[in-house]
Amino acid sequence: WVQLDITRLFPEWMASQKYREDYFEEPESLQPKFKKFAKQSVEKLGNQLEGQVNENTLVALIGCGTLFGFASVSDFVKQLSEYVPGRLLVLSVLFISCFYA
């Protein structure tokens, strides 16, 4: 099996952007780039998987929370599945904090 942890995917992508400082000043100017982020990220992950996976390999995708607000998880998984000849498992953990008075 192969584990793909995408937790830091968006921060690393953002750090590589030429105009990242401008995006922090005007976050709405970043919105048109979200599709590019998803496409480039899927291609990057697909390249990482190349030569490591076959039809008997389970690929476990974790850290999908990094996509919320930037890309559709279902679209991202659908695109990534093209690079996975075997099984693709999407793990999502939701942490809920409860405070009692």
Protein backbone atom coordinates (compact mmCIF):
# COMPACT_ATOMS: atom_id res chain seq x y z
CA TRP A 1 0.00 0.00 0.00
CA VAL A 2 1.02 3.61 -0.55
CA GLN A 3 0.09 6.53 1.69
CA LEU A 4 -0.45 10.00 0.22
CA ASP A 5 -0.65 12.68 2.90
CA ILE A 6 -1.86 15.91 1.31
CA THR A 7 -2.14 17.89 4.56
CA ARG A 8 0.52 20.39 3.50
CA LEU A 9 -0.41 20.46 -0.18
CA PHE A 10 -2.05 23.89 -0.24
CA PRO A 11 0.49 25.68 2.00
CA GLU A 12 3.37 24.31 -0.08
CA TRP A 13 1.63 25.29 -3.33
CA MET A 14 0.90 28.76 -1.98
CA ALA A 15 4.52 29.22 -0.89
CA SER A 16 5.63 28.50 -4.47
CA GLN A 17 3.42 31.22 -5.98
CA LYS A 18 5.16 34.29 -7.37
CA TYR A 19 2.45 36.69 -6.17
CA ARG A 20 1.74 35.03 -2.81
CA GLU A 21 2.18 38.28 -0.87
CA ASP A 22 -0.43 39.96 -3.08
CA TYR A 23 -2.82 37.08 -2.45
CA PHE A 24 -2.56 37.63 1.30
CA GLU A 25 -3.43 41.30 0.81
CA GLU A 26 -6.30 40.51 -1.58
CA PRO A 27 -7.43 36.90 -0.98
CA GLU A 28 -10.26 37.16 -3.51
CA SER A 29 -7.66 37.50 -6.28
CA LEU A 30 -6.54 33.95 -5.48
CA GLN A 31 -9.92 32.35 -6.18
CA PRO A 32 -9.40 32.01 -9.96
CA LYS A 33 -6.24 29.97 -9.21
CA PHE A 34 -8.04 27.23 -7.24
CA LYS A 35 -8.63 25.01 -10.30
CA LYS A 36 -4.97 25.39 -11.25
CA PHE A 37 -4.00 24.39 -7.70
CA ALA A 38 -6.12 21.23 -7.89
CA LYS A 39 -4.88 20.28 -11.37
CA GLN A 40 -1.21 20.83 -10.53
CA SER A 41 -1.58 18.98 -7.25
CA VAL A 42 -3.19 15.94 -8.85
CA GLU A 43 -0.47 15.86 -11.52
CA LYS A 44 2.23 16.11 -8.83
CA LEU A 45 0.70 13.25 -6.86
CA GLY A 46 0.20 11.21 -10.03
CA ASN A 47 3.89 11.61 -10.83
CA GLN A 48 4.76 10.46 -7.29
CA LEU A 49 2.66 7.33 -7.77
CA GLU A 50 4.16 6.46 -11.14
CA GLY A 51 6.14 3.25 -10.90
CA GLN A 52 5.00 2.64 -7.28
CA VAL A 53 1.49 1.34 -7.87
CA ASN A 54 -0.21 -1.43 -9.78
CA GLU A 55 -3.66 -3.02 -9.82
CA ASN A 56 -2.91 -4.71 -6.47
CA THR A 57 -1.88 -1.53 -4.67
CA LEU A 58 -4.06 0.29 -2.17
CA VAL A 59 -3.46 4.04 -2.20
CA ALA A 60 -4.57 5.72 1.03
CA LEU A 61 -5.27 9.44 0.68
CA ILE A 62 -5.19 11.37 3.95
CA GLY A 63 -5.32 15.06 4.83
CA CYS A 64 -8.20 16.02 2.55
CA GLY A 65 -9.17 18.79 4.95
CA THR A 66 -6.51 20.92 3.28
CA LEU A 67 -8.75 21.08 0.20
CA PHE A 68 -11.82 22.55 1.91
CA GLY A 69 -12.48 26.04 0.63
CA PHE A 70 -10.04 25.60 -2.24
CA ALA A 71 -11.10 22.52 -4.19
CA SER A 72 -13.86 19.94 -4.26
CA VAL A 73 -12.70 16.78 -2.52
CA SER A 74 -14.85 14.60 -4.77
CA ASP A 75 -13.48 16.22 -7.95
CA PHE A 76 -9.94 15.94 -6.61
CA VAL A 77 -10.41 12.24 -5.82
CA LYS A 78 -11.99 11.60 -9.21
CA GLN A 79 -9.02 13.19 -11.00
CA LEU A 80 -6.50 11.39 -8.80
CA SER A 81 -8.20 8.04 -9.42
CA GLU A 82 -6.99 8.19 -13.03
CA TYR A 83 -3.46 7.62 -11.67
CA VAL A 84 -4.48 4.71 -9.42
CA PRO A 85 -4.91 1.38 -11.22
CA GLY A 86 -5.80 -0.40 -7.95
CA ARG A 87 -7.88 0.83 -5.03
CA LEU A 88 -8.05 4.37 -3.68
CA LEU A 89 -9.04 4.82 -0.03
CA VAL A 90 -9.92 8.32 1.17
CA LEU A 91 -9.50 8.71 4.91
CA SER A 92 -11.16 11.65 6.56
CA VAL A 93 -10.95 12.37 10.23
CA LEU A 94 -13.20 14.94 11.80
CA PHE A 95 -12.14 16.28 15.13
CA ILE A 96 -14.91 17.81 17.18
CA SER A 97 -14.05 19.72 20.31
CA CYS A 98 -16.64 19.74 23.04
CA PHE A 99 -16.52 22.16 25.92
CA TYR A 100 -18.54 21.54 29.04
CA ALA A 101 -19.31 24.26 31.53
